[in-house]
Amino acid sequence: MTPATLEEIREKGLKALAEELGPVGMARFLQMFETGRGDYSKERHRLIGKQSVRTLAKEIKQRRKSS
């Protein structure tokens, strides 16, 4: 028996997931392994800037009080 190609393994895996979890469960399972996009560091710096941890914690506490 020859080893399965990566494509064959992928197809069998997707079929098994669909049969066991159903289409919605399969999609949710696959989403757990999707890689993110973009540059987390650049985005974090854009959103947070140069605020200190103390300042961020203070903002969080204020938002929790008001909600």
C-alpha atoms as a PDB file:
ATOM      1  CA  MET A   1       0.000   0.000   0.000  1.00  0.00           C
ATOM      2  CA  THR A   2       1.477   3.352  -1.021  1.00  0.00           C
ATOM      3  CA  PRO A   3       1.398   6.235   1.444  1.00  0.00           C
ATOM      4  CA  ALA A   4      -1.400   8.735   0.917  1.00  0.00           C
ATOM      5  CA  THR A   5      -0.559  12.097  -0.589  1.00  0.00           C
ATOM      6  CA  LEU A   6      -1.126  15.214   1.492  1.00  0.00           C
ATOM      7  CA  GLU A   7      -4.153  16.025  -0.656  1.00  0.00           C
ATOM      8  CA  GLU A   8      -5.648  12.565  -0.017  1.00  0.00           C
ATOM      9  CA  ILE A   9      -5.060  12.925   3.716  1.00  0.00           C
ATOM     10  CA  ARG A  10      -6.690  16.376   3.659  1.00  0.00           C
ATOM     11  CA  GLU A  11      -9.720  15.062   1.774  1.00  0.00           C
ATOM     12  CA  LYS A  12     -10.144  12.092   4.126  1.00  0.00           C
ATOM     13  CA  GLY A  13      -9.737  14.340   7.155  1.00  0.00           C
ATOM     14  CA  LEU A  14     -12.358  16.811   5.940  1.00  0.00           C
ATOM     15  CA  LYS A  15     -14.735  13.953   5.146  1.00  0.00           C
ATOM     16  CA  ALA A  16     -14.256  12.483   8.630  1.00  0.00           C
ATOM     17  CA  LEU A  17     -14.811  15.874  10.265  1.00  0.00           C
ATOM     18  CA  ALA A  18     -17.953  16.517   8.233  1.00  0.00           C
ATOM     19  CA  GLU A  19     -19.364  13.083   9.057  1.00  0.00           C
ATOM     20  CA  GLU A  20     -18.579  13.310  12.763  1.00  0.00           C
ATOM     21  CA  LEU A  21     -19.265  17.006  13.443  1.00  0.00           C
ATOM     22  CA  GLY A  22     -21.580  18.048  10.631  1.00  0.00           C
ATOM     23  CA  PRO A  23     -20.841  21.024   8.379  1.00  0.00           C
ATOM     24  CA  VAL A  24     -21.208  23.691  11.076  1.00  0.00           C
ATOM     25  CA  GLY A  25     -19.115  21.793  13.605  1.00  0.00           C
ATOM     26  CA  MET A  26     -16.478  21.127  10.965  1.00  0.00           C
ATOM     27  CA  ALA A  27     -16.290  24.830  10.100  1.00  0.00           C
ATOM     28  CA  ARG A  28     -16.020  25.803  13.773  1.00  0.00           C
ATOM     29  CA  PHE A  29     -13.280  23.219  14.325  1.00  0.00           C
ATOM     30  CA  LEU A  30     -11.289  24.442  11.333  1.00  0.00           C
ATOM     31  CA  GLN A  31     -11.592  28.073  12.472  1.00  0.00           C
ATOM     32  CA  MET A  32      -9.651  27.190  15.612  1.00  0.00           C
ATOM     33  CA  PHE A  33      -6.561  26.573  13.475  1.00  0.00           C
ATOM     34  CA  GLU A  34      -6.784  29.483  11.066  1.00  0.00           C
ATOM     35  CA  THR A  35      -3.806  31.758  11.232  1.00  0.00           C
ATOM     36  CA  GLY A  36      -4.323  35.423  11.858  1.00  0.00           C
ATOM     37  CA  ARG A  37      -3.640  38.111   9.336  1.00  0.00           C
ATOM     38  CA  GLY A  38      -1.801  41.369   9.554  1.00  0.00           C
ATOM     39  CA  ASP A  39       0.852  42.539  11.966  1.00  0.00           C
ATOM     40  CA  TYR A  40      -0.253  42.246  15.575  1.00  0.00           C
ATOM     41  CA  SER A  41       2.530  44.497  16.887  1.00  0.00           C
ATOM     42  CA  LYS A  42       1.775  47.343  14.484  1.00  0.00           C
ATOM     43  CA  GLU A  43      -1.958  47.084  15.186  1.00  0.00           C
ATOM     44  CA  ARG A  44      -1.393  47.015  18.955  1.00  0.00           C
ATOM     45  CA  HIS A  45       0.825  50.107  18.772  1.00  0.00           C
ATOM     46  CA  ARG A  46      -1.749  51.879  16.614  1.00  0.00           C
ATOM     47  CA  LEU A  47      -4.529  51.134  19.104  1.00  0.00           C
ATOM     48  CA  ILE A  48      -2.661  51.532  22.371  1.00  0.00           C
ATOM     49  CA  GLY A  49       0.138  53.908  21.510  1.00  0.00           C
ATOM     50  CA  LYS A  50       2.550  54.544  24.348  1.00  0.00           C
ATOM     51  CA  GLN A  51       0.120  54.166  27.215  1.00  0.00           C
ATOM     52  CA  SER A  52       1.414  52.505  30.342  1.00  0.00           C
ATOM     53  CA  VAL A  53      -0.055  49.343  31.793  1.00  0.00           C
ATOM     54  CA  ARG A  54      -1.266  51.411  34.749  1.00  0.00           C
ATOM     55  CA  THR A  55      -3.165  53.776  32.418  1.00  0.00           C
ATOM     56  CA  LEU A  56      -4.703  50.883  30.491  1.00  0.00           C
ATOM     57  CA  ALA A  57      -5.781  49.169  33.726  1.00  0.00           C
ATOM     58  CA  LYS A  58      -7.378  52.413  34.898  1.00  0.00           C
ATOM     59  CA  GLU A  59      -9.321  52.711  31.625  1.00  0.00           C
ATOM     60  CA  ILE A  60     -10.530  49.129  31.914  1.00  0.00           C
ATOM     61  CA  LYS A  61     -11.765  49.710  35.464  1.00  0.00           C
ATOM     62  CA  GLN A  62     -13.590  52.879  34.387  1.00  0.00           C
ATOM     63  CA  ARG A  63     -15.289  51.081  31.487  1.00  0.00           C
ATOM     64  CA  ARG A  64     -16.371  48.228  33.754  1.00  0.00           C
ATOM     65  CA  LYS A  65     -17.922  50.679  36.205  1.00  0.00           C
ATOM     66  CA  SER A  66     -19.888  52.466  33.494  1.00  0.00           C
ATOM     67  CA  SER A  67     -21.293  49.273  31.935  1.00  0.00           C
END
